[in-house]
PDB file of N, CA and C in Angstrom:
ATOM      1  N   MET A   1      -6.674  19.366  -1.583  1.00  0.00           N
ATOM      2  CA  MET A   1      -6.301  18.323  -1.698  1.00  0.00           C
ATOM      3  C   MET A   1      -6.639  17.386  -2.327  1.00  0.00           C
ATOM      4  N   GLY A   2      -6.470  16.575  -2.948  1.00  0.00           N
ATOM      5  CA  GLY A   2      -7.220  15.402  -3.713  1.00  0.00           C
ATOM      6  C   GLY A   2      -6.715  13.836  -3.366  1.00  0.00           C
ATOM      7  N   SER A   3      -7.357  13.296  -3.272  1.00  0.00           N
ATOM      8  CA  SER A   3      -6.857  11.975  -2.454  1.00  0.00           C
ATOM      9  C   SER A   3      -6.127  11.421  -4.300  1.00  0.00           C
ATOM     10  N   PHE A   4      -5.108  10.414  -3.627  1.00  0.00           N
ATOM     11  CA  PHE A   4      -4.546   9.548  -4.729  1.00  0.00           C
ATOM     12  C   PHE A   4      -4.675   7.635  -3.940  1.00  0.00           C
ATOM     13  N   SER A   5      -4.800   6.947  -4.744  1.00  0.00           N
ATOM     14  CA  SER A   5      -4.591   5.391  -5.189  1.00  0.00           C
ATOM     15  C   SER A   5      -4.294   4.550  -6.568  1.00  0.00           C
ATOM     16  N   GLU A   6      -3.393   4.091  -6.297  1.00  0.00           N
ATOM     17  CA  GLU A   6      -3.325   3.448  -7.346  1.00  0.00           C
ATOM     18  C   GLU A   6      -2.908   1.886  -7.173  1.00  0.00           C
ATOM     19  N   GLY A   7      -3.363   1.184  -7.754  1.00  0.00           N
ATOM     20  CA  GLY A   7      -3.437  -0.484  -7.114  1.00  0.00           C
ATOM     21  C   GLY A   7      -1.882  -1.288  -7.806  1.00  0.00           C
ATOM     22  N   ILE A   8      -1.340  -2.122  -6.273  1.00  0.00           N
ATOM     23  CA  ILE A   8      -0.358  -2.523  -6.495  1.00  0.00           C
ATOM     24  C   ILE A   8      -0.081  -4.706  -6.224  1.00  0.00           C
ATOM     25  N   ASP A   9       0.737  -4.558  -6.430  1.00  0.00           N
ATOM     26  CA  ASP A   9       1.013  -6.150  -6.131  1.00  0.00           C
ATOM     27  C   ASP A   9       1.374  -6.343  -4.823  1.00  0.00           C
ATOM     28  N   VAL A  10       1.131  -7.241  -3.570  1.00  0.00           N
ATOM     29  CA  VAL A  10       1.911  -7.668  -2.517  1.00  0.00           C
ATOM     30  C   VAL A  10       1.893  -9.071  -2.546  1.00  0.00           C
ATOM     31  N   VAL A  11       3.128  -9.234  -1.871  1.00  0.00           N
ATOM     32  CA  VAL A  11       3.437 -11.040  -2.140  1.00  0.00           C
ATOM     33  C   VAL A  11       4.123 -10.907  -0.339  1.00  0.00           C
ATOM     34  N   SER A  12       3.464 -12.480   0.214  1.00  0.00           N
ATOM     35  CA  SER A  12       3.562 -12.507   1.252  1.00  0.00           C
ATOM     36  C   SER A  12       4.223 -14.085   1.662  1.00  0.00           C
ATOM     37  N   SER A  13       4.975 -14.313   2.864  1.00  0.00           N
ATOM     38  CA  SER A  13       5.195 -15.466   3.558  1.00  0.00           C
ATOM     39  C   SER A  13       3.886 -16.561   3.414  1.00  0.00           C
ATOM     40  N   PRO A  14       3.893 -17.645   3.395  1.00  0.00           N
ATOM     41  CA  PRO A  14       3.026 -18.464   3.962  1.00  0.00           C
ATOM     42  C   PRO A  14       2.534 -17.950   5.452  1.00  0.00           C
ATOM     43  N   GLU A  15       3.500 -17.426   6.156  1.00  0.00           N
ATOM     44  CA  GLU A  15       2.959 -16.759   7.479  1.00  0.00           C
ATOM     45  C   GLU A  15       2.595 -15.088   7.916  1.00  0.00           C
ATOM     46  N   GLY A  16       2.308 -14.995   6.668  1.00  0.00           N
ATOM     47  CA  GLY A  16       1.750 -13.382   6.639  1.00  0.00           C
ATOM     48  C   GLY A  16       2.692 -12.284   6.322  1.00  0.00           C
ATOM     49  N   GLU A  17       4.148 -12.693   6.269  1.00  0.00           N
ATOM     50  CA  GLU A  17       5.506 -11.954   6.276  1.00  0.00           C
ATOM     51  C   GLU A  17       4.988 -11.170   5.324  1.00  0.00           C
ATOM     52  N   LEU A  18       4.911  -9.733   5.168  1.00  0.00           N
ATOM     53  CA  LEU A  18       5.355  -9.181   3.564  1.00  0.00           C
ATOM     54  C   LEU A  18       6.423  -8.745   3.145  1.00  0.00           C
ATOM     55  N   LEU A  19       6.999  -8.649   1.737  1.00  0.00           N
ATOM     56  CA  LEU A  19       8.279  -9.739   1.493  1.00  0.00           C
ATOM     57  C   LEU A  19       8.199  -8.447   0.391  1.00  0.00           C
ATOM     58  N   GLN A  20       7.153  -8.710  -0.466  1.00  0.00           N
ATOM     59  CA  GLN A  20       7.571  -7.913  -2.046  1.00  0.00           C
ATOM     60  C   GLN A  20       6.701  -6.961  -2.575  1.00  0.00           C
ATOM     61  N   LEU A  21       6.971  -6.119  -2.641  1.00  0.00           N
ATOM     62  CA  LEU A  21       5.604  -4.841  -3.337  1.00  0.00           C
ATOM     63  C   LEU A  21       6.052  -4.899  -5.048  1.00  0.00           C
ATOM     64  N   CYS A  22       4.783  -4.999  -5.637  1.00  0.00           N
ATOM     65  CA  CYS A  22       4.887  -4.832  -6.989  1.00  0.00           C
ATOM     66  C   CYS A  22       4.168  -3.625  -7.912  1.00  0.00           C
ATOM     67  N   TRP A  23       4.920  -2.074  -8.862  1.00  0.00           N
ATOM     68  CA  TRP A  23       4.221  -1.083  -8.210  1.00  0.00           C
ATOM     69  C   TRP A  23       4.753  -0.440  -9.335  1.00  0.00           C
ATOM     70  N   ARG A  24       3.679   0.031 -10.279  1.00  0.00           N
ATOM     71  CA  ARG A  24       4.781   0.456 -11.921  1.00  0.00           C
ATOM     72  C   ARG A  24       5.808  -0.469 -12.584  1.00  0.00           C
ATOM     73  N   GLY A  25       5.277  -1.998 -12.967  1.00  0.00           N
ATOM     74  CA  GLY A  25       5.924  -2.496 -13.513  1.00  0.00           C
ATOM     75  C   GLY A  25       7.762  -2.819 -12.366  1.00  0.00           C
ATOM     76  N   ALA A  26       8.152  -2.744 -11.364  1.00  0.00           N
ATOM     77  CA  ALA A  26       9.495  -2.265 -10.964  1.00  0.00           C
ATOM     78  C   ALA A  26       8.991  -2.938  -9.607  1.00  0.00           C
ATOM     79  N   HIS A  27       9.984  -3.991  -9.076  1.00  0.00           N
ATOM     80  CA  HIS A  27       9.707  -4.937  -7.262  1.00  0.00           C
ATOM     81  C   HIS A  27      10.512  -4.257  -6.816  1.00  0.00           C
ATOM     82  N   TYR A  28       9.973  -4.163  -5.505  1.00  0.00           N
ATOM     83  CA  TYR A  28      10.231  -3.397  -4.410  1.00  0.00           C
ATOM     84  C   TYR A  28      10.811  -4.458  -3.279  1.00  0.00           C
ATOM     85  N   ALA A  29      11.911  -4.819  -2.823  1.00  0.00           N
ATOM     86  CA  ALA A  29      11.780  -5.778  -1.452  1.00  0.00           C
ATOM     87  C   ALA A  29      11.123  -4.809  -0.583  1.00  0.00           C
ATOM     88  N   ILE A  30      10.124  -5.500   0.364  1.00  0.00           N
ATOM     89  CA  ILE A  30       9.621  -4.897   1.649  1.00  0.00           C
ATOM     90  C   ILE A  30      10.727  -4.879   2.680  1.00  0.00           C
ATOM     91  N   GLU A  31      11.171  -3.630   3.387  1.00  0.00           N
ATOM     92  CA  GLU A  31      12.374  -3.758   4.291  1.00  0.00           C
ATOM     93  C   GLU A  31      11.241  -4.200   5.550  1.00  0.00           C
ATOM     94  N   PRO A  32      12.333  -4.570   6.768  1.00  0.00           N
ATOM     95  CA  PRO A  32      11.774  -5.385   8.169  1.00  0.00           C
ATOM     96  C   PRO A  32      10.987  -4.418   8.679  1.00  0.00           C
ATOM     97  N   HIS A  33      10.048  -4.957   9.225  1.00  0.00           N
ATOM     98  CA  HIS A  33       9.250  -4.161  10.849  1.00  0.00           C
ATOM     99  C   HIS A  33       8.098  -3.699  10.131  1.00  0.00           C
ATOM    100  N   PRO A  34       7.481  -3.543   8.881  1.00  0.00           N
ATOM    101  CA  PRO A  34       6.516  -2.766   8.539  1.00  0.00           C
ATOM    102  C   PRO A  34       5.349  -1.918   9.124  1.00  0.00           C
ATOM    103  N   LEU A  35       4.056  -1.326   9.499  1.00  0.00           N
ATOM    104  CA  LEU A  35       3.723  -0.585  10.304  1.00  0.00           C
ATOM    105  C   LEU A  35       2.175  -0.987  10.044  1.00  0.00           C
ATOM    106  N   CYS A  36       1.651  -1.330  11.101  1.00  0.00           N
ATOM    107  CA  CYS A  36       0.247  -1.723  11.096  1.00  0.00           C
ATOM    108  C   CYS A  36      -0.930  -0.963  11.470  1.00  0.00           C
ATOM    109  N   TRP A  37      -1.907  -0.311  11.091  1.00  0.00           N
ATOM    110  CA  TRP A  37      -2.823  -0.306  11.647  1.00  0.00           C
ATOM    111  C   TRP A  37      -4.103   0.077  11.488  1.00  0.00           C
ATOM    112  N   TYR A  38      -5.225   0.109  11.821  1.00  0.00           N
ATOM    113  CA  TYR A  38      -6.660  -0.058  11.619  1.00  0.00           C
ATOM    114  C   TYR A  38      -7.021   1.588  11.180  1.00  0.00           C
ATOM    115  N   GLU A  39      -8.284   1.856  10.383  1.00  0.00           N
ATOM    116  CA  GLU A  39      -8.727   2.759  10.208  1.00  0.00           C
ATOM    117  C   GLU A  39      -9.948   2.927  10.693  1.00  0.00           C
ATOM    118  N   ARG A  40     -10.693   3.862  10.896  1.00  0.00           N
ATOM    119  CA  ARG A  40     -12.758   3.880  10.657  1.00  0.00           C
ATOM    120  C   ARG A  40     -12.867   4.078   9.475  1.00  0.00           C
ATOM    121  N   ARG A  41     -13.771   3.463   8.509  1.00  0.00           N
ATOM    122  CA  ARG A  41     -14.032   4.478   7.626  1.00  0.00           C
ATOM    123  C   ARG A  41     -15.725   4.645   7.871  1.00  0.00           C
ATOM    124  N   SER A  42     -16.110   5.526   6.576  1.00  0.00           N
ATOM    125  CA  SER A  42     -17.649   5.632   6.759  1.00  0.00           C
ATOM    126  C   SER A  42     -18.662   4.490   6.609  1.00  0.00           C
ATOM    127  N   TRP A  43     -18.749   3.438   6.852  1.00  0.00           N
ATOM    128  CA  TRP A  43     -19.421   2.522   6.438  1.00  0.00           C
ATOM    129  C   TRP A  43     -20.808   2.959   6.320  1.00  0.00           C
ATOM    130  N   TRP A  44     -21.250   3.499   7.125  1.00  0.00           N
ATOM    131  CA  TRP A  44     -22.688   3.991   7.354  1.00  0.00           C
ATOM    132  C   TRP A  44     -23.378   4.654   6.251  1.00  0.00           C
ATOM    133  N   GLU A  45     -22.600   5.499   5.397  1.00  0.00           N
ATOM    134  CA  GLU A  45     -21.919   6.157   4.194  1.00  0.00           C
ATOM    135  C   GLU A  45     -22.963   4.958   3.055  1.00  0.00           C
ATOM    136  N   SER A  46     -22.044   3.581   3.161  1.00  0.00           N
ATOM    137  CA  SER A  46     -22.679   3.271   1.830  1.00  0.00           C
ATOM    138  C   SER A  46     -23.041   1.346   2.111  1.00  0.00           C
ATOM    139  N   GLU A  47     -23.347   1.046   3.605  1.00  0.00           N
ATOM    140  CA  GLU A  47     -23.965  -0.010   4.092  1.00  0.00           C
ATOM    141  C   GLU A  47     -25.048   0.429   4.509  1.00  0.00           C
ATOM    142  N   SER A  48     -26.140  -0.306   4.752  1.00  0.00           N
ATOM    143  CA  SER A  48     -27.594  -0.287   5.805  1.00  0.00           C
ATOM    144  C   SER A  48     -26.854  -1.445   7.109  1.00  0.00           C
ATOM    145  N   ARG A  49     -26.770  -2.221   7.046  1.00  0.00           N
ATOM    146  CA  ARG A  49     -25.869  -3.102   8.212  1.00  0.00           C
ATOM    147  C   ARG A  49     -24.760  -3.728   8.498  1.00  0.00           C
ATOM    148  N   VAL A  50     -24.186  -3.531   9.003  1.00  0.00           N
ATOM    149  CA  VAL A  50     -22.898  -4.559   9.182  1.00  0.00           C
ATOM    150  C   VAL A  50     -23.331  -5.483   9.779  1.00  0.00           C
ATOM    151  N   PRO A  51     -22.981  -7.212   9.221  1.00  0.00           N
ATOM    152  CA  PRO A  51     -23.339  -8.142  10.654  1.00  0.00           C
ATOM    153  C   PRO A  51     -22.406  -8.821  11.645  1.00  0.00           C
ATOM    154  N   PRO A  52     -22.913  -9.504  11.924  1.00  0.00           N
ATOM    155  CA  PRO A  52     -21.778  -9.223  13.698  1.00  0.00           C
ATOM    156  C   PRO A  52     -20.406 -10.534  12.934  1.00  0.00           C
ATOM    157  N   GLY A  53     -19.418  -9.700  13.651  1.00  0.00           N
ATOM    158  CA  GLY A  53     -18.561 -10.281  13.487  1.00  0.00           C
ATOM    159  C   GLY A  53     -17.506 -10.250  11.918  1.00  0.00           C
ATOM    160  N   GLU A  54     -17.971  -9.300  11.097  1.00  0.00           N
ATOM    161  CA  GLU A  54     -17.470  -8.761   9.541  1.00  0.00           C
ATOM    162  C   GLU A  54     -16.938  -7.553   9.380  1.00  0.00           C
ATOM    163  N   GLY A  55     -16.513  -6.915  10.742  1.00  0.00           N
ATOM    164  CA  GLY A  55     -16.336  -5.830  10.119  1.00  0.00           C
ATOM    165  C   GLY A  55     -15.187  -4.851   9.351  1.00  0.00           C
ATOM    166  N   ALA A  56     -13.921  -6.551   9.383  1.00  0.00           N
ATOM    167  CA  ALA A  56     -13.062  -5.781   8.529  1.00  0.00           C
ATOM    168  C   ALA A  56     -13.364  -5.667   7.588  1.00  0.00           C
ATOM    169  N   GLY A  57     -12.804  -4.426   6.484  1.00  0.00           N
ATOM    170  CA  GLY A  57     -12.988  -4.424   5.557  1.00  0.00           C
ATOM    171  C   GLY A  57     -14.188  -3.448   5.082  1.00  0.00           C
ATOM    172  N   ILE A  58     -14.908  -3.518   6.219  1.00  0.00           N
ATOM    173  CA  ILE A  58     -16.958  -3.094   6.251  1.00  0.00           C
ATOM    174  C   ILE A  58     -16.064  -1.509   6.961  1.00  0.00           C
ATOM    175  N   VAL A  59     -16.330  -1.970   8.597  1.00  0.00           N
ATOM    176  CA  VAL A  59     -15.586  -0.986   9.176  1.00  0.00           C
ATOM    177  C   VAL A  59     -14.640  -0.617   9.231  1.00  0.00           C
ATOM    178  N   ASP A  60     -13.331  -1.387   9.893  1.00  0.00           N
ATOM    179  CA  ASP A  60     -12.089  -0.908   9.586  1.00  0.00           C
ATOM    180  C   ASP A  60     -11.468  -1.112   7.702  1.00  0.00           C
ATOM    181  N   LEU A  61     -10.113  -0.231   7.739  1.00  0.00           N
ATOM    182  CA  LEU A  61      -9.517  -0.780   6.891  1.00  0.00           C
ATOM    183  C   LEU A  61      -7.883  -0.698   7.679  1.00  0.00           C
ATOM    184  N   GLN A  62      -7.268  -2.224   7.569  1.00  0.00           N
ATOM    185  CA  GLN A  62      -6.428  -2.585   7.448  1.00  0.00           C
ATOM    186  C   GLN A  62      -4.875  -1.136   6.381  1.00  0.00           C
ATOM    187  N   MET A  63      -4.149  -0.460   7.492  1.00  0.00           N
ATOM    188  CA  MET A  63      -3.354   0.146   6.596  1.00  0.00           C
ATOM    189  C   MET A  63      -1.854  -0.398   7.403  1.00  0.00           C
ATOM    190  N   TRP A  64      -0.951  -0.036   6.143  1.00  0.00           N
ATOM    191  CA  TRP A  64       0.248  -0.601   6.278  1.00  0.00           C
ATOM    192  C   TRP A  64       1.309   0.930   5.592  1.00  0.00           C
ATOM    193  N   ARG A  65       2.081   1.222   7.042  1.00  0.00           N
ATOM    194  CA  ARG A  65       3.285   2.025   6.223  1.00  0.00           C
ATOM    195  C   ARG A  65       4.805   1.242   5.933  1.00  0.00           C
ATOM    196  N   LEU A  66       4.803   0.712   4.327  1.00  0.00           N
ATOM    197  CA  LEU A  66       6.198   0.239   4.156  1.00  0.00           C
ATOM    198  C   LEU A  66       7.491   0.893   3.706  1.00  0.00           C
ATOM    199  N   GLN A  67       8.155   0.328   4.167  1.00  0.00           N
ATOM    200  CA  GLN A  67       9.806   0.748   3.448  1.00  0.00           C
ATOM    201  C   GLN A  67      10.515  -0.172   1.932  1.00  0.00           C
ATOM    202  N   LEU A  68      10.442   0.781   1.442  1.00  0.00           N
ATOM    203  CA  LEU A  68      10.726   0.175   0.057  1.00  0.00           C
ATOM    204  C   LEU A  68      12.161  -0.051  -0.289  1.00  0.00           C
ATOM    205  N   ARG A  69      12.754  -0.830  -0.834  1.00  0.00           N
ATOM    206  CA  ARG A  69      14.276  -0.810  -1.541  1.00  0.00           C
ATOM    207  C   ARG A  69      14.053  -1.661  -3.193  1.00  0.00           C
ATOM    208  N   ARG A  70      14.976  -0.846  -3.768  1.00  0.00           N
ATOM    209  CA  ARG A  70      14.761  -1.369  -4.826  1.00  0.00           C
ATOM    210  C   ARG A  70      16.368  -1.892  -5.350  1.00  0.00           C
ATOM    211  N   GLU A  71      15.763  -3.169  -5.786  1.00  0.00           N
ATOM    212  CA  GLU A  71      17.772  -3.722  -6.164  1.00  0.00           C
ATOM    213  C   GLU A  71      18.694  -2.915  -7.334  1.00  0.00           C
ATOM    214  N   GLY A  72      20.006  -2.581  -6.549  1.00  0.00           N
ATOM    215  CA  GLY A  72      20.439  -1.511  -7.763  1.00  0.00           C
ATOM    216  C   GLY A  72      20.259  -0.330  -7.451  1.00  0.00           C
ATOM    217  N   THR A  73      19.703   0.238  -6.722  1.00  0.00           N
ATOM    218  CA  THR A  73      19.218   1.837  -6.469  1.00  0.00           C
ATOM    219  C   THR A  73      19.253   2.249  -4.612  1.00  0.00           C
ATOM    220  N   PRO A  74      19.862   3.088  -4.716  1.00  0.00           N
ATOM    221  CA  PRO A  74      20.041   3.396  -3.582  1.00  0.00           C
ATOM    222  C   PRO A  74      18.657   4.139  -2.497  1.00  0.00           C
ATOM    223  N   GLY A  75      18.623   4.225  -1.683  1.00  0.00           N
ATOM    224  CA  GLY A  75      17.815   4.657  -1.007  1.00  0.00           C
ATOM    225  C   GLY A  75      16.586   3.871  -0.231  1.00  0.00           C
ATOM    226  N   CYS A  76      15.521   4.467   0.090  1.00  0.00           N
ATOM    227  CA  CYS A  76      14.444   4.103   0.525  1.00  0.00           C
ATOM    228  C   CYS A  76      12.981   4.971   0.299  1.00  0.00           C
ATOM    229  N   LEU A  77      12.281   3.716  -0.545  1.00  0.00           N
ATOM    230  CA  LEU A  77      10.824   4.655  -0.536  1.00  0.00           C
ATOM    231  C   LEU A  77       9.846   4.285   0.941  1.00  0.00           C
ATOM    232  N   THR A  78       9.396   5.565   0.752  1.00  0.00           N
ATOM    233  CA  THR A  78       8.264   4.813   2.184  1.00  0.00           C
ATOM    234  C   THR A  78       7.050   5.628   1.525  1.00  0.00           C
ATOM    235  N   LEU A  79       5.548   4.027   1.509  1.00  0.00           N
ATOM    236  CA  LEU A  79       4.666   4.315   0.996  1.00  0.00           C
ATOM    237  C   LEU A  79       3.788   4.234   2.417  1.00  0.00           C
ATOM    238  N   ASP A  80       2.419   4.404   2.332  1.00  0.00           N
ATOM    239  CA  ASP A  80       1.243   3.965   3.335  1.00  0.00           C
ATOM    240  C   ASP A  80       0.416   3.517   1.984  1.00  0.00           C
ATOM    241  N   VAL A  81      -0.148   2.220   2.604  1.00  0.00           N
ATOM    242  CA  VAL A  81      -0.754   1.590   1.306  1.00  0.00           C
ATOM    243  C   VAL A  81      -2.034   0.739   2.249  1.00  0.00           C
ATOM    244  N   VAL A  82      -3.289   0.323   1.564  1.00  0.00           N
ATOM    245  CA  VAL A  82      -4.071   0.068   2.378  1.00  0.00           C
ATOM    246  C   VAL A  82      -4.722  -1.030   1.692  1.00  0.00           C
ATOM    247  N   HIS A  83      -5.463  -2.489   2.625  1.00  0.00           N
ATOM    248  CA  HIS A  83      -5.117  -3.692   2.076  1.00  0.00           C
ATOM    249  C   HIS A  83      -6.438  -3.377   2.219  1.00  0.00           C
ATOM    250  N   TYR A  84      -7.330  -3.971   0.832  1.00  0.00           N
ATOM    251  CA  TYR A  84      -8.801  -4.116   1.543  1.00  0.00           C
ATOM    252  C   TYR A  84      -9.474  -5.494   1.663  1.00  0.00           C
ATOM    253  N   LEU A  85      -9.561  -5.473   2.780  1.00  0.00           N
ATOM    254  CA  LEU A  85     -10.169  -7.000   3.613  1.00  0.00           C
ATOM    255  C   LEU A  85     -12.051  -7.379   3.181  1.00  0.00           C
ATOM    256  N   PRO A  86     -12.719  -8.615   2.663  1.00  0.00           N
ATOM    257  CA  PRO A  86     -11.601  -9.672   2.900  1.00  0.00           C
ATOM    258  C   PRO A  86     -11.082  -9.942   1.442  1.00  0.00           C
ATOM    259  N   GLY A  87     -11.458  -9.219   0.524  1.00  0.00           N
ATOM    260  CA  GLY A  87     -10.881  -8.893  -1.019  1.00  0.00           C
ATOM    261  C   GLY A  87      -9.260  -9.644  -1.222  1.00  0.00           C
ATOM    262  N   GLY A  88      -8.575  -8.630   0.077  1.00  0.00           N
ATOM    263  CA  GLY A  88      -7.344  -8.665  -0.799  1.00  0.00           C
ATOM    264  C   GLY A  88      -6.945  -7.377  -1.979  1.00  0.00           C
ATOM    265  N   GLN A  89      -7.004  -6.947  -2.302  1.00  0.00           N
ATOM    266  CA  GLN A  89      -7.269  -5.770  -2.669  1.00  0.00           C
ATOM    267  C   GLN A  89      -5.570  -4.778  -1.893  1.00  0.00           C
ATOM    268  N   TRP A  90      -4.908  -4.164  -2.831  1.00  0.00           N
ATOM    269  CA  TRP A  90      -3.871  -3.465  -1.670  1.00  0.00           C
ATOM    270  C   TRP A  90      -3.498  -2.054  -3.378  1.00  0.00           C
ATOM    271  N   ARG A  91      -3.883  -0.917  -2.073  1.00  0.00           N
ATOM    272  CA  ARG A  91      -3.429   0.033  -3.310  1.00  0.00           C
ATOM    273  C   ARG A  91      -2.721   1.152  -2.363  1.00  0.00           C
ATOM    274  N   VAL A  92      -1.776   1.838  -3.275  1.00  0.00           N
ATOM    275  CA  VAL A  92      -0.953   2.761  -2.494  1.00  0.00           C
ATOM    276  C   VAL A  92      -1.919   4.385  -2.459  1.00  0.00           C
ATOM    277  N   ILE A  93      -1.413   4.732  -1.490  1.00  0.00           N
ATOM    278  CA  ILE A  93      -2.739   5.956  -0.845  1.00  0.00           C
ATOM    279  C   ILE A  93      -1.771   7.102  -0.682  1.00  0.00           C
ATOM    280  N   LYS A  94      -0.710   6.871  -0.294  1.00  0.00           N
ATOM    281  CA  LYS A  94       0.610   8.289   0.331  1.00  0.00           C
ATOM    282  C   LYS A  94       1.563   8.169  -0.086  1.00  0.00           C
ATOM    283  N   ILE A  95       2.373   8.688  -0.844  1.00  0.00           N
ATOM    284  CA  ILE A  95       3.860   8.667  -0.915  1.00  0.00           C
ATOM    285  C   ILE A  95       4.816   9.627   0.438  1.00  0.00           C
ATOM    286  N   HIS A  96       5.387   9.099   0.856  1.00  0.00           N
ATOM    287  CA  HIS A  96       5.842  10.028   1.616  1.00  0.00           C
ATOM    288  C   HIS A  96       7.519  10.814   1.297  1.00  0.00           C
ATOM    289  N   ASP A  97       7.894  10.075   0.677  1.00  0.00           N
ATOM    290  CA  ASP A  97       9.452  10.757   0.746  1.00  0.00           C
ATOM    291  C   ASP A  97       9.763  11.270  -0.857  1.00  0.00           C
ATOM    292  N   ALA A  98      10.585  12.301  -0.720  1.00  0.00           N
ATOM    293  CA  ALA A  98      10.817  13.369  -2.201  1.00  0.00           C
ATOM    294  C   ALA A  98      10.875  11.761  -2.948  1.00  0.00           C
ATOM    295  N   VAL A  99      10.697  11.729  -4.012  1.00  0.00           N
ATOM    296  CA  VAL A  99      10.837  10.509  -4.720  1.00  0.00           C
ATOM    297  C   VAL A  99      11.758  10.949  -5.704  1.00  0.00           C
ATOM    298  N   ASP A 100      12.867   9.863  -5.567  1.00  0.00           N
ATOM    299  CA  ASP A 100      14.469  10.354  -6.427  1.00  0.00           C
ATOM    300  C   ASP A 100      13.821   9.363  -7.705  1.00  0.00           C
ATOM    301  N   GLU A 101      13.949   9.987  -9.098  1.00  0.00           N
ATOM    302  CA  GLU A 101      14.287   9.291 -10.239  1.00  0.00           C
ATOM    303  C   GLU A 101      13.808   7.936 -10.443  1.00  0.00           C
ATOM    304  N   VAL A 102      15.165   7.429  -9.422  1.00  0.00           N
ATOM    305  CA  VAL A 102      15.817   5.867  -9.757  1.00  0.00           C
ATOM    306  C   VAL A 102      13.647   4.952  -9.495  1.00  0.00           C
ATOM    307  N   PHE A 103      12.728   5.669  -8.339  1.00  0.00           N
ATOM    308  CA  PHE A 103      11.799   4.816  -8.489  1.00  0.00           C
ATOM    309  C   PHE A 103      10.779   4.980  -9.372  1.00  0.00           C
ATOM    310  N   TRP A 104      10.957   5.693 -10.474  1.00  0.00           N
ATOM    311  CA  TRP A 104      10.086   6.009 -11.416  1.00  0.00           C
ATOM    312  C   TRP A 104      10.510   5.602 -12.684  1.00  0.00           C
ATOM    313  N   PRO A 105       9.730   5.328 -13.784  1.00  0.00           N
ATOM    314  CA  PRO A 105      10.246   5.182 -15.100  1.00  0.00           C
ATOM    315  C   PRO A 105      10.529   6.319 -15.691  1.00  0.00           C
ATOM    316  N   GLU A 106      11.915   6.073 -16.770  1.00  0.00           N
ATOM    317  CA  GLU A 106      12.407   7.230 -17.815  1.00  0.00           C
ATOM    318  C   GLU A 106      11.431   7.830 -18.289  1.00  0.00           C
ATOM    319  N   GLU A 107      10.657   8.205 -18.681  1.00  0.00           N
ATOM    320  CA  GLU A 107       9.266   8.648 -19.417  1.00  0.00           C
ATOM    321  C   GLU A 107       8.892   9.620 -18.039  1.00  0.00           C
ATOM    322  N   LEU A 108       8.887   8.734 -17.030  1.00  0.00           N
ATOM    323  CA  LEU A 108       7.799  10.081 -15.915  1.00  0.00           C
ATOM    324  C   LEU A 108       8.938  11.102 -15.305  1.00  0.00           C
ATOM    325  N   ALA A 109      10.305  10.434 -15.409  1.00  0.00           N
ATOM    326  CA  ALA A 109      11.494  11.148 -14.447  1.00  0.00           C
ATOM    327  C   ALA A 109      11.779  12.014 -15.196  1.00  0.00           C
ATOM    328  N   ASP A 110      12.037  12.278 -16.780  1.00  0.00           N
ATOM    329  CA  ASP A 110      11.958  13.017 -17.329  1.00  0.00           C
ATOM    330  C   ASP A 110      11.125  14.104 -17.500  1.00  0.00           C
ATOM    331  N   GLY A 111       9.535  13.717 -16.957  1.00  0.00           N
ATOM    332  CA  GLY A 111       8.815  15.139 -17.286  1.00  0.00           C
ATOM    333  C   GLY A 111       7.956  14.815 -18.183  1.00  0.00           C
ATOM    334  N   ALA A 112       7.739  13.511 -19.251  1.00  0.00           N
ATOM    335  CA  ALA A 112       7.200  13.422 -20.193  1.00  0.00           C
ATOM    336  C   ALA A 112       5.569  13.221 -19.996  1.00  0.00           C
TER     337      ALA A 112
END
C-alpha cells in the first residue's frame, strides 16, 4: 500500500479552533470536537541532532482526525491530516469514509 499526501489549507479562529478546510477547490466546515494526537517520526533518519525544546515538528507530528461537512451536501467526510510544525503546513494523509461523488469534482466522479 502506497502513501497518500495532498496539501490543504486550514482556517482556524484566533483561539486556535479549527473552523474550515479548503481542499481541491472546495470549502468544508470542520465539525466540532476534532481529535488531535502526536506521532513520533523517524527524526534520526534525517536530523543529526534535535536541540532541546524543539521537538515539535522534528520529533513529533501533530495529527488530526477531522469530520467535514460541505454546504448543500448530505453526510460527512472523515480525513486524517498532519500539521507540520513550526512551518504550519497541512496535508491530508488518509480518507476514511467511502467518498461519495458529492465530495469530488465532476470530472473525477465520472472516472475521467
